[in-house]
Amino acid sequence: MKKWIAAFRLKTLPLALGAIILGSWVNDFSFDFEIFLFASITAILLQILSNLANDYGDFVKGTDRHRKDRQLAGGNISPRSMLIAIVVFAIGALCSGIYLLNISFGDDWNLWVKFFLLGIFSIAAAILYTMGKKAYGYMGLGDVFVFIFFGLVGVLGTSYLFKQELLIASWLVAIGYGCLCVGVLNVNNIRDLDKDVLTNKITIASKLGIRGSIIYQTLLIIAAFLTFSFYHLITGYYSLSPLLILIIGFIHIGKLKEAQSELDYNNQLKFLSLGSLGVVLVFIIRLFF
């Protein structure tokens, strides 16, 4: 069981959950626990699906051949078993998503079909990140898809499930959160930069180099700070989330500049992932009423 828990990469789940929490909170507090619960379940299943597909895709392409922390490359799980798990989690995400649409939209088939297609695209995106001959994660598009599915789809899509409308200001926090999630991926790509160059895997980090990638990381943190700050100014809703972004960013960028080993980068992956969830949790604590 430990090998499967490792394959699930539980440390990545806070990002998926953070998007759901944030999306559940920004739409004029139209909260429904059942919608929140199944949105969370669906997001977590999609994230685990992506992690399993990533393990399989990198193994098949030989990207992970020197890594023992991945379950296929380390010989802990067979390719056949991993493929079965990918199918199981894809079906699980689909079933959970269908139930979520039923409780959110009822017999509004226009919205139901649109979100069902969005769900199919989400499942496809989770699988095709590294699987297939045209895996977008190998074409430098990973950052774009993370921004779209964790930020825009994750936050705005969840928000729409509650009230079937989108507040314009919600785009700001969706963009900001998307930037934080892209930052987590960027740390991962900085850590794997040398290996990705050797295996011809194209990432923004592999093109920018370490110095350029840290500048890119800084800009992502700044963008998150500005969008969250503007949301507070526009809506009159105030929390300490912008301040927390600044604190996290200052510590994170400093540690990233000093990082020399894989462990250093892994620590920053965990720090920014949990920190992003922390930003969301602080965001929902309103300072003034």
C-alpha atoms as a PDB file:
ATOM      1  CA  MET A   1       0.000   0.000   0.000  1.00  0.00           C
ATOM      2  CA  LYS A   2       2.910   2.343   0.716  1.00  0.00           C
ATOM      3  CA  LYS A   3       4.003   2.188  -2.920  1.00  0.00           C
ATOM      4  CA  TRP A   4       0.572   3.342  -4.083  1.00  0.00           C
ATOM      5  CA  ILE A   5       0.414   6.138  -1.532  1.00  0.00           C
ATOM      6  CA  ALA A   6       3.807   7.261  -2.811  1.00  0.00           C
ATOM      7  CA  ALA A   7       2.490   7.100  -6.391  1.00  0.00           C
ATOM      8  CA  PHE A   8      -0.495   9.255  -5.422  1.00  0.00           C
ATOM      9  CA  ARG A   9       1.969  12.020  -4.334  1.00  0.00           C
ATOM     10  CA  LEU A  10      -0.184  13.320  -1.519  1.00  0.00           C
ATOM     11  CA  LYS A  11       1.939  16.461  -1.210  1.00  0.00           C
ATOM     12  CA  THR A  12       0.375  17.724  -4.472  1.00  0.00           C
ATOM     13  CA  LEU A  13      -3.212  17.430  -3.210  1.00  0.00           C
ATOM     14  CA  PRO A  14      -3.294  20.726  -1.234  1.00  0.00           C
ATOM     15  CA  LEU A  15      -3.157  22.635  -4.534  1.00  0.00           C
ATOM     16  CA  ALA A  16      -6.230  20.861  -5.899  1.00  0.00           C
ATOM     17  CA  LEU A  17      -8.112  21.292  -2.639  1.00  0.00           C
ATOM     18  CA  GLY A  18      -7.113  24.957  -2.388  1.00  0.00           C
ATOM     19  CA  ALA A  19      -8.748  25.732  -5.735  1.00  0.00           C
ATOM     20  CA  ILE A  20     -12.024  24.171  -4.566  1.00  0.00           C
ATOM     21  CA  ILE A  21     -12.004  26.010  -1.234  1.00  0.00           C
ATOM     22  CA  LEU A  22     -11.267  29.323  -2.932  1.00  0.00           C
ATOM     23  CA  GLY A  23     -13.930  28.797  -5.589  1.00  0.00           C
ATOM     24  CA  SER A  24     -16.459  27.852  -2.918  1.00  0.00           C
ATOM     25  CA  TRP A  25     -15.883  31.098  -1.072  1.00  0.00           C
ATOM     26  CA  VAL A  26     -15.744  33.867  -3.672  1.00  0.00           C
ATOM     27  CA  ASN A  27     -19.244  33.682  -5.143  1.00  0.00           C
ATOM     28  CA  ASP A  28     -21.154  35.766  -2.640  1.00  0.00           C
ATOM     29  CA  PHE A  29     -20.935  32.990  -0.029  1.00  0.00           C
ATOM     30  CA  SER A  30     -23.524  30.786  -1.768  1.00  0.00           C
ATOM     31  CA  PHE A  31     -22.145  27.703  -0.053  1.00  0.00           C
ATOM     32  CA  ASP A  32     -23.541  24.182  -0.301  1.00  0.00           C
ATOM     33  CA  PHE A  33     -21.650  21.454   1.553  1.00  0.00           C
ATOM     34  CA  GLU A  34     -22.614  18.621  -0.809  1.00  0.00           C
ATOM     35  CA  ILE A  35     -21.399  20.560  -3.840  1.00  0.00           C
ATOM     36  CA  PHE A  36     -18.179  21.420  -1.993  1.00  0.00           C
ATOM     37  CA  LEU A  37     -17.655  17.801  -0.955  1.00  0.00           C
ATOM     38  CA  PHE A  38     -18.040  16.302  -4.418  1.00  0.00           C
ATOM     39  CA  ALA A  39     -16.106  19.124  -6.077  1.00  0.00           C
ATOM     40  CA  SER A  40     -13.263  18.313  -3.661  1.00  0.00           C
ATOM     41  CA  ILE A  41     -13.504  14.564  -4.319  1.00  0.00           C
ATOM     42  CA  THR A  42     -13.494  15.128  -8.079  1.00  0.00           C
ATOM     43  CA  ALA A  43     -10.506  17.484  -7.905  1.00  0.00           C
ATOM     44  CA  ILE A  44      -8.507  15.092  -5.718  1.00  0.00           C
ATOM     45  CA  LEU A  45      -9.263  12.153  -8.027  1.00  0.00           C
ATOM     46  CA  LEU A  46      -8.159  14.220 -11.029  1.00  0.00           C
ATOM     47  CA  GLN A  47      -4.934  15.215  -9.268  1.00  0.00           C
ATOM     48  CA  ILE A  48      -4.101  11.620  -8.365  1.00  0.00           C
ATOM     49  CA  LEU A  49      -4.964  10.582 -11.930  1.00  0.00           C
ATOM     50  CA  SER A  50      -2.518  13.188 -13.228  1.00  0.00           C
ATOM     51  CA  ASN A  51       0.194  11.974 -10.851  1.00  0.00           C
ATOM     52  CA  LEU A  52      -0.248   8.343 -11.914  1.00  0.00           C
ATOM     53  CA  ALA A  53      -0.264   9.271 -15.595  1.00  0.00           C
ATOM     54  CA  ASN A  54       2.841  11.383 -15.031  1.00  0.00           C
ATOM     55  CA  ASP A  55       4.635   8.438 -13.447  1.00  0.00           C
ATOM     56  CA  TYR A  56       3.675   6.198 -16.362  1.00  0.00           C
ATOM     57  CA  GLY A  57       4.386   8.729 -19.119  1.00  0.00           C
ATOM     58  CA  ASP A  58       7.830   9.675 -17.796  1.00  0.00           C
ATOM     59  CA  PHE A  59       8.690   5.998 -17.341  1.00  0.00           C
ATOM     60  CA  VAL A  60       7.738   5.077 -20.912  1.00  0.00           C
ATOM     61  CA  LYS A  61       9.697   8.028 -22.326  1.00  0.00           C
ATOM     62  CA  GLY A  62      12.734   7.210 -20.201  1.00  0.00           C
ATOM     63  CA  THR A  63      12.712  10.547 -18.401  1.00  0.00           C
ATOM     64  CA  ASP A  64      12.678   8.850 -14.989  1.00  0.00           C
ATOM     65  CA  ARG A  65      15.200   6.130 -15.745  1.00  0.00           C
ATOM     66  CA  HIS A  66      17.678   7.548 -13.198  1.00  0.00           C
ATOM     67  CA  ARG A  67      15.053   8.144 -10.500  1.00  0.00           C
ATOM     68  CA  LYS A  68      14.223   5.701  -7.754  1.00  0.00           C
ATOM     69  CA  ASP A  69      11.586   7.876  -6.086  1.00  0.00           C
ATOM     70  CA  ARG A  70       9.117   7.164  -8.887  1.00  0.00           C
ATOM     71  CA  GLN A  71       7.202   3.943  -8.571  1.00  0.00           C
ATOM     72  CA  LEU A  72       7.588   2.565 -12.103  1.00  0.00           C
ATOM     73  CA  ALA A  73      11.210   3.617 -12.491  1.00  0.00           C
ATOM     74  CA  GLY A  74      11.961   2.175  -9.066  1.00  0.00           C
ATOM     75  CA  GLY A  75      10.351  -1.135  -9.975  1.00  0.00           C
ATOM     76  CA  ASN A  76       7.756  -0.910  -7.202  1.00  0.00           C
ATOM     77  CA  ILE A  77       4.694  -1.007  -9.481  1.00  0.00           C
ATOM     78  CA  SER A  78       4.319  -2.747 -12.835  1.00  0.00           C
ATOM     79  CA  PRO A  79       3.290  -0.764 -15.941  1.00  0.00           C
ATOM     80  CA  ARG A  80       0.143  -2.905 -16.295  1.00  0.00           C
ATOM     81  CA  SER A  81      -0.926  -2.202 -12.704  1.00  0.00           C
ATOM     82  CA  MET A  82      -0.303   1.514 -13.227  1.00  0.00           C
ATOM     83  CA  LEU A  83      -2.426   1.553 -16.371  1.00  0.00           C
ATOM     84  CA  ILE A  84      -5.250  -0.188 -14.506  1.00  0.00           C
ATOM     85  CA  ALA A  85      -5.003   2.412 -11.726  1.00  0.00           C
ATOM     86  CA  ILE A  86      -5.124   5.213 -14.311  1.00  0.00           C
ATOM     87  CA  VAL A  87      -8.338   3.772 -15.779  1.00  0.00           C
ATOM     88  CA  VAL A  88      -9.867   3.314 -12.300  1.00  0.00           C
ATOM     89  CA  PHE A  89      -9.157   6.902 -11.247  1.00  0.00           C
ATOM     90  CA  ALA A  90     -10.358   8.275 -14.583  1.00  0.00           C
ATOM     91  CA  ILE A  91     -13.668   6.433 -14.138  1.00  0.00           C
ATOM     92  CA  GLY A  92     -13.834   7.552 -10.500  1.00  0.00           C
ATOM     93  CA  ALA A  93     -13.322  11.205 -11.459  1.00  0.00           C
ATOM     94  CA  LEU A  94     -15.942  10.881 -14.199  1.00  0.00           C
ATOM     95  CA  CYS A  95     -18.549   9.326 -11.870  1.00  0.00           C
ATOM     96  CA  SER A  96     -17.904  11.859  -9.118  1.00  0.00           C
ATOM     97  CA  GLY A  97     -18.067  14.689 -11.649  1.00  0.00           C
ATOM     98  CA  ILE A  98     -21.372  13.460 -13.087  1.00  0.00           C
ATOM     99  CA  TYR A  99     -22.943  13.330  -9.637  1.00  0.00           C
ATOM    100  CA  LEU A 100     -21.586  16.822  -8.957  1.00  0.00           C
ATOM    101  CA  LEU A 101     -23.273  18.130 -12.113  1.00  0.00           C
ATOM    102  CA  ASN A 102     -26.553  16.515 -11.114  1.00  0.00           C
ATOM    103  CA  ILE A 103     -26.663  18.208  -7.720  1.00  0.00           C
ATOM    104  CA  SER A 104     -25.450  21.534  -9.136  1.00  0.00           C
ATOM    105  CA  PHE A 105     -27.489  21.898 -12.332  1.00  0.00           C
ATOM    106  CA  GLY A 106     -30.348  19.419 -11.978  1.00  0.00           C
ATOM    107  CA  ASP A 107     -32.225  19.267 -15.273  1.00  0.00           C
ATOM    108  CA  ASP A 108     -30.531  22.325 -16.806  1.00  0.00           C
ATOM    109  CA  TRP A 109     -29.093  20.258 -19.659  1.00  0.00           C
ATOM    110  CA  ASN A 110     -27.447  23.208 -21.360  1.00  0.00           C
ATOM    111  CA  LEU A 111     -25.130  23.822 -18.394  1.00  0.00           C
ATOM    112  CA  TRP A 112     -24.888  20.098 -17.657  1.00  0.00           C
ATOM    113  CA  VAL A 113     -23.509  19.267 -21.107  1.00  0.00           C
ATOM    114  CA  LYS A 114     -21.095  22.221 -21.110  1.00  0.00           C
ATOM    115  CA  PHE A 115     -19.606  21.256 -17.763  1.00  0.00           C
ATOM    116  CA  PHE A 116     -19.580  17.581 -18.708  1.00  0.00           C
ATOM    117  CA  LEU A 117     -17.409  18.437 -21.710  1.00  0.00           C
ATOM    118  CA  LEU A 118     -15.223  20.552 -19.447  1.00  0.00           C
ATOM    119  CA  GLY A 119     -14.868  17.523 -17.189  1.00  0.00           C
ATOM    120  CA  ILE A 120     -13.862  15.318 -20.133  1.00  0.00           C
ATOM    121  CA  PHE A 121     -11.226  17.893 -21.103  1.00  0.00           C
ATOM    122  CA  SER A 122      -9.989  17.921 -17.490  1.00  0.00           C
ATOM    123  CA  ILE A 123      -9.596  14.137 -17.469  1.00  0.00           C
ATOM    124  CA  ALA A 124      -7.837  14.245 -20.838  1.00  0.00           C
ATOM    125  CA  ALA A 125      -5.515  17.015 -19.611  1.00  0.00           C
ATOM    126  CA  ALA A 126      -4.644  15.005 -16.502  1.00  0.00           C
ATOM    127  CA  ILE A 127      -3.677  12.000 -18.615  1.00  0.00           C
ATOM    128  CA  LEU A 128      -1.986  13.706 -21.561  1.00  0.00           C
ATOM    129  CA  TYR A 129       0.398  15.810 -19.479  1.00  0.00           C
ATOM    130  CA  THR A 130       3.142  13.220 -20.034  1.00  0.00           C
ATOM    131  CA  MET A 131       1.361  10.299 -21.741  1.00  0.00           C
ATOM    132  CA  GLY A 132       1.193   9.960 -25.499  1.00  0.00           C
ATOM    133  CA  LYS A 133       3.399  11.007 -28.398  1.00  0.00           C
ATOM    134  CA  LYS A 134       2.282  14.640 -28.130  1.00  0.00           C
ATOM    135  CA  ALA A 135       2.310  15.007 -24.340  1.00  0.00           C
ATOM    136  CA  TYR A 136       1.934  18.730 -23.707  1.00  0.00           C
ATOM    137  CA  GLY A 137       4.188  18.566 -20.637  1.00  0.00           C
ATOM    138  CA  TYR A 138       7.067  17.788 -22.990  1.00  0.00           C
ATOM    139  CA  MET A 139       6.236  20.727 -25.265  1.00  0.00           C
ATOM    140  CA  GLY A 140       6.640  23.545 -22.747  1.00  0.00           C
ATOM    141  CA  LEU A 141       2.890  23.861 -22.185  1.00  0.00           C
ATOM    142  CA  GLY A 142       2.689  22.470 -18.646  1.00  0.00           C
ATOM    143  CA  ASP A 143       2.608  25.929 -17.083  1.00  0.00           C
ATOM    144  CA  VAL A 144      -0.267  27.020 -19.333  1.00  0.00           C
ATOM    145  CA  PHE A 145      -2.390  23.992 -18.506  1.00  0.00           C
ATOM    146  CA  VAL A 146      -1.700  24.235 -14.766  1.00  0.00           C
ATOM    147  CA  PHE A 147      -2.737  27.894 -14.842  1.00  0.00           C
ATOM    148  CA  ILE A 148      -5.931  27.067 -16.733  1.00  0.00           C
ATOM    149  CA  PHE A 149      -7.049  23.989 -14.791  1.00  0.00           C
ATOM    150  CA  PHE A 150      -5.896  24.900 -11.268  1.00  0.00           C
ATOM    151  CA  GLY A 151      -6.579  28.614 -11.525  1.00  0.00           C
ATOM    152  CA  LEU A 152      -9.356  29.414 -13.970  1.00  0.00           C
ATOM    153  CA  VAL A 153     -11.225  26.111 -14.172  1.00  0.00           C
ATOM    154  CA  GLY A 154     -10.563  25.102 -10.555  1.00  0.00           C
ATOM    155  CA  VAL A 155     -11.590  28.371  -8.939  1.00  0.00           C
ATOM    156  CA  LEU A 156     -14.099  29.851 -11.399  1.00  0.00           C
ATOM    157  CA  GLY A 157     -15.622  26.498 -12.320  1.00  0.00           C
ATOM    158  CA  THR A 158     -16.209  25.651  -8.676  1.00  0.00           C
ATOM    159  CA  SER A 159     -17.646  29.096  -8.033  1.00  0.00           C
ATOM    160  CA  TYR A 160     -20.112  28.663 -10.892  1.00  0.00           C
ATOM    161  CA  LEU A 161     -21.378  25.368  -9.510  1.00  0.00           C
ATOM    162  CA  PHE A 162     -22.918  27.132  -6.500  1.00  0.00           C
ATOM    163  CA  LYS A 163     -24.770  30.017  -8.077  1.00  0.00           C
ATOM    164  CA  GLN A 164     -24.510  29.700 -11.871  1.00  0.00           C
ATOM    165  CA  GLU A 165     -22.910  33.099 -12.212  1.00  0.00           C
ATOM    166  CA  LEU A 166     -19.416  34.538 -12.040  1.00  0.00           C
ATOM    167  CA  LEU A 167     -18.397  37.693 -10.229  1.00  0.00           C
ATOM    168  CA  ILE A 168     -15.895  39.672 -12.296  1.00  0.00           C
ATOM    169  CA  ALA A 169     -13.648  40.119  -9.263  1.00  0.00           C
ATOM    170  CA  SER A 170     -13.409  36.331  -8.915  1.00  0.00           C
ATOM    171  CA  TRP A 171     -11.142  36.303 -11.957  1.00  0.00           C
ATOM    172  CA  LEU A 172      -8.517  38.137  -9.928  1.00  0.00           C
ATOM    173  CA  VAL A 173      -8.147  35.471  -7.233  1.00  0.00           C
ATOM    174  CA  ALA A 174      -8.411  32.729  -9.870  1.00  0.00           C
ATOM    175  CA  ILE A 175      -5.499  34.276 -11.755  1.00  0.00           C
ATOM    176  CA  GLY A 176      -3.538  34.787  -8.537  1.00  0.00           C
ATOM    177  CA  TYR A 177      -4.048  31.244  -7.355  1.00  0.00           C
ATOM    178  CA  GLY A 178      -3.188  29.937 -10.800  1.00  0.00           C
ATOM    179  CA  CYS A 179       0.125  31.791 -10.606  1.00  0.00           C
ATOM    180  CA  LEU A 180       0.939  30.157  -7.265  1.00  0.00           C
ATOM    181  CA  CYS A 181       0.204  26.714  -8.727  1.00  0.00           C
ATOM    182  CA  VAL A 182       2.379  27.430 -11.755  1.00  0.00           C
ATOM    183  CA  GLY A 183       5.087  28.409  -9.272  1.00  0.00           C
ATOM    184  CA  VAL A 184       4.910  24.938  -7.709  1.00  0.00           C
ATOM    185  CA  LEU A 185       5.336  23.331 -11.137  1.00  0.00           C
ATOM    186  CA  ASN A 186       8.216  25.689 -11.897  1.00  0.00           C
ATOM    187  CA  VAL A 187      10.106  24.562  -8.786  1.00  0.00           C
ATOM    188  CA  ASN A 188       9.610  20.973  -9.908  1.00  0.00           C
ATOM    189  CA  ASN A 189      10.998  21.853 -13.337  1.00  0.00           C
ATOM    190  CA  ILE A 190      13.971  23.741 -11.885  1.00  0.00           C
ATOM    191  CA  ARG A 191      14.813  20.661  -9.820  1.00  0.00           C
ATOM    192  CA  ASP A 192      14.635  18.432 -12.905  1.00  0.00           C
ATOM    193  CA  LEU A 193      16.201  20.950 -15.285  1.00  0.00           C
ATOM    194  CA  ASP A 194      19.402  19.028 -16.083  1.00  0.00           C
ATOM    195  CA  LYS A 195      17.586  15.714 -16.562  1.00  0.00           C
ATOM    196  CA  ASP A 196      14.915  17.327 -18.741  1.00  0.00           C
ATOM    197  CA  VAL A 197      17.550  18.870 -21.025  1.00  0.00           C
ATOM    198  CA  LEU A 198      19.243  15.476 -21.421  1.00  0.00           C
ATOM    199  CA  THR A 199      15.951  13.765 -22.305  1.00  0.00           C
ATOM    200  CA  ASN A 200      14.734  16.594 -24.595  1.00  0.00           C
ATOM    201  CA  LYS A 201      11.797  17.455 -22.351  1.00  0.00           C
ATOM    202  CA  ILE A 202      10.900  21.070 -23.010  1.00  0.00           C
ATOM    203  CA  THR A 203       9.831  23.149 -20.015  1.00  0.00           C
ATOM    204  CA  ILE A 204       9.977  26.862 -19.371  1.00  0.00           C
ATOM    205  CA  ALA A 205      12.712  26.183 -16.814  1.00  0.00           C
ATOM    206  CA  SER A 206      14.781  24.232 -19.352  1.00  0.00           C
ATOM    207  CA  LYS A 207      14.605  27.220 -21.689  1.00  0.00           C
ATOM    208  CA  LEU A 208      15.211  29.943 -19.113  1.00  0.00           C
ATOM    209  CA  GLY A 209      17.902  28.215 -17.058  1.00  0.00           C
ATOM    210  CA  ILE A 210      18.079  28.426 -13.269  1.00  0.00           C
ATOM    211  CA  ARG A 211      18.619  32.185 -13.053  1.00  0.00           C
ATOM    212  CA  GLY A 212      15.846  32.980 -15.529  1.00  0.00           C
ATOM    213  CA  SER A 213      13.520  30.502 -13.847  1.00  0.00           C
ATOM    214  CA  ILE A 214      13.991  32.184 -10.467  1.00  0.00           C
ATOM    215  CA  ILE A 215      13.141  35.550 -12.047  1.00  0.00           C
ATOM    216  CA  TYR A 216      10.061  33.894 -13.575  1.00  0.00           C
ATOM    217  CA  GLN A 217       9.185  32.487 -10.149  1.00  0.00           C
ATOM    218  CA  THR A 218       9.485  35.940  -8.604  1.00  0.00           C
ATOM    219  CA  LEU A 219       7.138  37.400 -11.225  1.00  0.00           C
ATOM    220  CA  LEU A 220       4.572  34.670 -10.499  1.00  0.00           C
ATOM    221  CA  ILE A 221       4.634  35.510  -6.776  1.00  0.00           C
ATOM    222  CA  ILE A 222       4.313  39.230  -7.528  1.00  0.00           C
ATOM    223  CA  ALA A 223       1.375  38.564  -9.872  1.00  0.00           C
ATOM    224  CA  ALA A 224      -0.352  36.535  -7.135  1.00  0.00           C
ATOM    225  CA  PHE A 225       0.186  39.328  -4.610  1.00  0.00           C
ATOM    226  CA  LEU A 226      -1.158  42.006  -6.960  1.00  0.00           C
ATOM    227  CA  THR A 227      -4.265  40.090  -8.055  1.00  0.00           C
ATOM    228  CA  PHE A 228      -5.237  39.159  -4.497  1.00  0.00           C
ATOM    229  CA  SER A 229      -4.612  42.762  -3.399  1.00  0.00           C
ATOM    230  CA  PHE A 230      -6.735  44.205  -6.216  1.00  0.00           C
ATOM    231  CA  TYR A 231      -9.531  41.783  -5.327  1.00  0.00           C
ATOM    232  CA  HIS A 232      -9.567  43.160  -1.784  1.00  0.00           C
ATOM    233  CA  LEU A 233      -9.542  46.777  -2.988  1.00  0.00           C
ATOM    234  CA  ILE A 234     -12.302  46.251  -5.553  1.00  0.00           C
ATOM    235  CA  THR A 235     -14.671  44.212  -3.391  1.00  0.00           C
ATOM    236  CA  GLY A 236     -14.029  45.745   0.025  1.00  0.00           C
ATOM    237  CA  TYR A 237     -13.429  42.244   1.337  1.00  0.00           C
ATOM    238  CA  TYR A 238     -10.232  42.201   3.387  1.00  0.00           C
ATOM    239  CA  SER A 239      -8.037  39.384   4.638  1.00  0.00           C
ATOM    240  CA  LEU A 240      -4.352  38.836   5.356  1.00  0.00           C
ATOM    241  CA  SER A 241      -3.826  36.689   2.247  1.00  0.00           C
ATOM    242  CA  PRO A 242      -1.840  39.344   0.292  1.00  0.00           C
ATOM    243  CA  LEU A 243       0.475  39.800   3.271  1.00  0.00           C
ATOM    244  CA  LEU A 244       0.934  36.049   3.573  1.00  0.00           C
ATOM    245  CA  ILE A 245       1.805  35.847  -0.138  1.00  0.00           C
ATOM    246  CA  LEU A 246       4.516  38.446   0.428  1.00  0.00           C
ATOM    247  CA  ILE A 247       5.939  36.590   3.417  1.00  0.00           C
ATOM    248  CA  ILE A 248       5.852  33.230   1.652  1.00  0.00           C
ATOM    249  CA  GLY A 249       7.345  34.740  -1.492  1.00  0.00           C
ATOM    250  CA  PHE A 250      10.202  36.436   0.351  1.00  0.00           C
ATOM    251  CA  ILE A 251      11.165  33.249   2.190  1.00  0.00           C
ATOM    252  CA  HIS A 252      10.611  31.005  -0.831  1.00  0.00           C
ATOM    253  CA  ILE A 253      12.655  33.011  -3.350  1.00  0.00           C
ATOM    254  CA  GLY A 254      15.493  33.343  -0.859  1.00  0.00           C
ATOM    255  CA  LYS A 255      15.582  29.589  -0.254  1.00  0.00           C
ATOM    256  CA  LEU A 256      15.270  28.893  -3.971  1.00  0.00           C
ATOM    257  CA  LYS A 257      18.354  30.989  -4.719  1.00  0.00           C
ATOM    258  CA  GLU A 258      20.298  29.028  -2.097  1.00  0.00           C
ATOM    259  CA  ALA A 259      19.041  25.573  -3.171  1.00  0.00           C
ATOM    260  CA  GLN A 260      21.728  23.175  -4.345  1.00  0.00           C
ATOM    261  CA  SER A 261      20.352  19.680  -3.888  1.00  0.00           C
ATOM    262  CA  GLU A 262      17.225  17.781  -4.882  1.00  0.00           C
ATOM    263  CA  LEU A 263      16.185  17.802  -1.234  1.00  0.00           C
ATOM    264  CA  ASP A 264      16.380  21.602  -1.162  1.00  0.00           C
ATOM    265  CA  TYR A 265      14.044  21.852  -4.138  1.00  0.00           C
ATOM    266  CA  ASN A 266      11.689  19.229  -2.737  1.00  0.00           C
ATOM    267  CA  ASN A 267      11.469  21.227   0.484  1.00  0.00           C
ATOM    268  CA  GLN A 268      10.496  24.303  -1.520  1.00  0.00           C
ATOM    269  CA  LEU A 269       7.922  22.292  -3.458  1.00  0.00           C
ATOM    270  CA  LYS A 270       6.302  21.331  -0.181  1.00  0.00           C
ATOM    271  CA  PHE A 271       6.679  24.835   1.254  1.00  0.00           C
ATOM    272  CA  LEU A 272       5.000  26.585  -1.680  1.00  0.00           C
ATOM    273  CA  SER A 273       2.303  23.928  -2.066  1.00  0.00           C
ATOM    274  CA  LEU A 274       1.273  24.116   1.599  1.00  0.00           C
ATOM    275  CA  GLY A 275       1.828  27.869   1.572  1.00  0.00           C
ATOM    276  CA  SER A 276      -0.623  28.256  -1.315  1.00  0.00           C
ATOM    277  CA  LEU A 277      -3.240  26.332   0.644  1.00  0.00           C
ATOM    278  CA  GLY A 278      -2.422  28.560   3.616  1.00  0.00           C
ATOM    279  CA  VAL A 279      -3.109  31.638   1.480  1.00  0.00           C
ATOM    280  CA  VAL A 280      -6.548  30.232   0.670  1.00  0.00           C
ATOM    281  CA  LEU A 281      -7.334  29.420   4.305  1.00  0.00           C
ATOM    282  CA  VAL A 282      -6.255  32.904   5.407  1.00  0.00           C
ATOM    283  CA  PHE A 283      -8.310  34.396   2.566  1.00  0.00           C
ATOM    284  CA  ILE A 284     -11.562  32.942   3.905  1.00  0.00           C
ATOM    285  CA  ILE A 285     -10.983  34.637   7.278  1.00  0.00           C
ATOM    286  CA  ARG A 286     -12.523  38.051   6.710  1.00  0.00           C
ATOM    287  CA  LEU A 287     -11.020  40.856   8.795  1.00  0.00           C
ATOM    288  CA  PHE A 288     -13.875  43.350   8.774  1.00  0.00           C
ATOM    289  CA  PHE A 289     -17.626  42.893   8.491  1.00  0.00           C
END
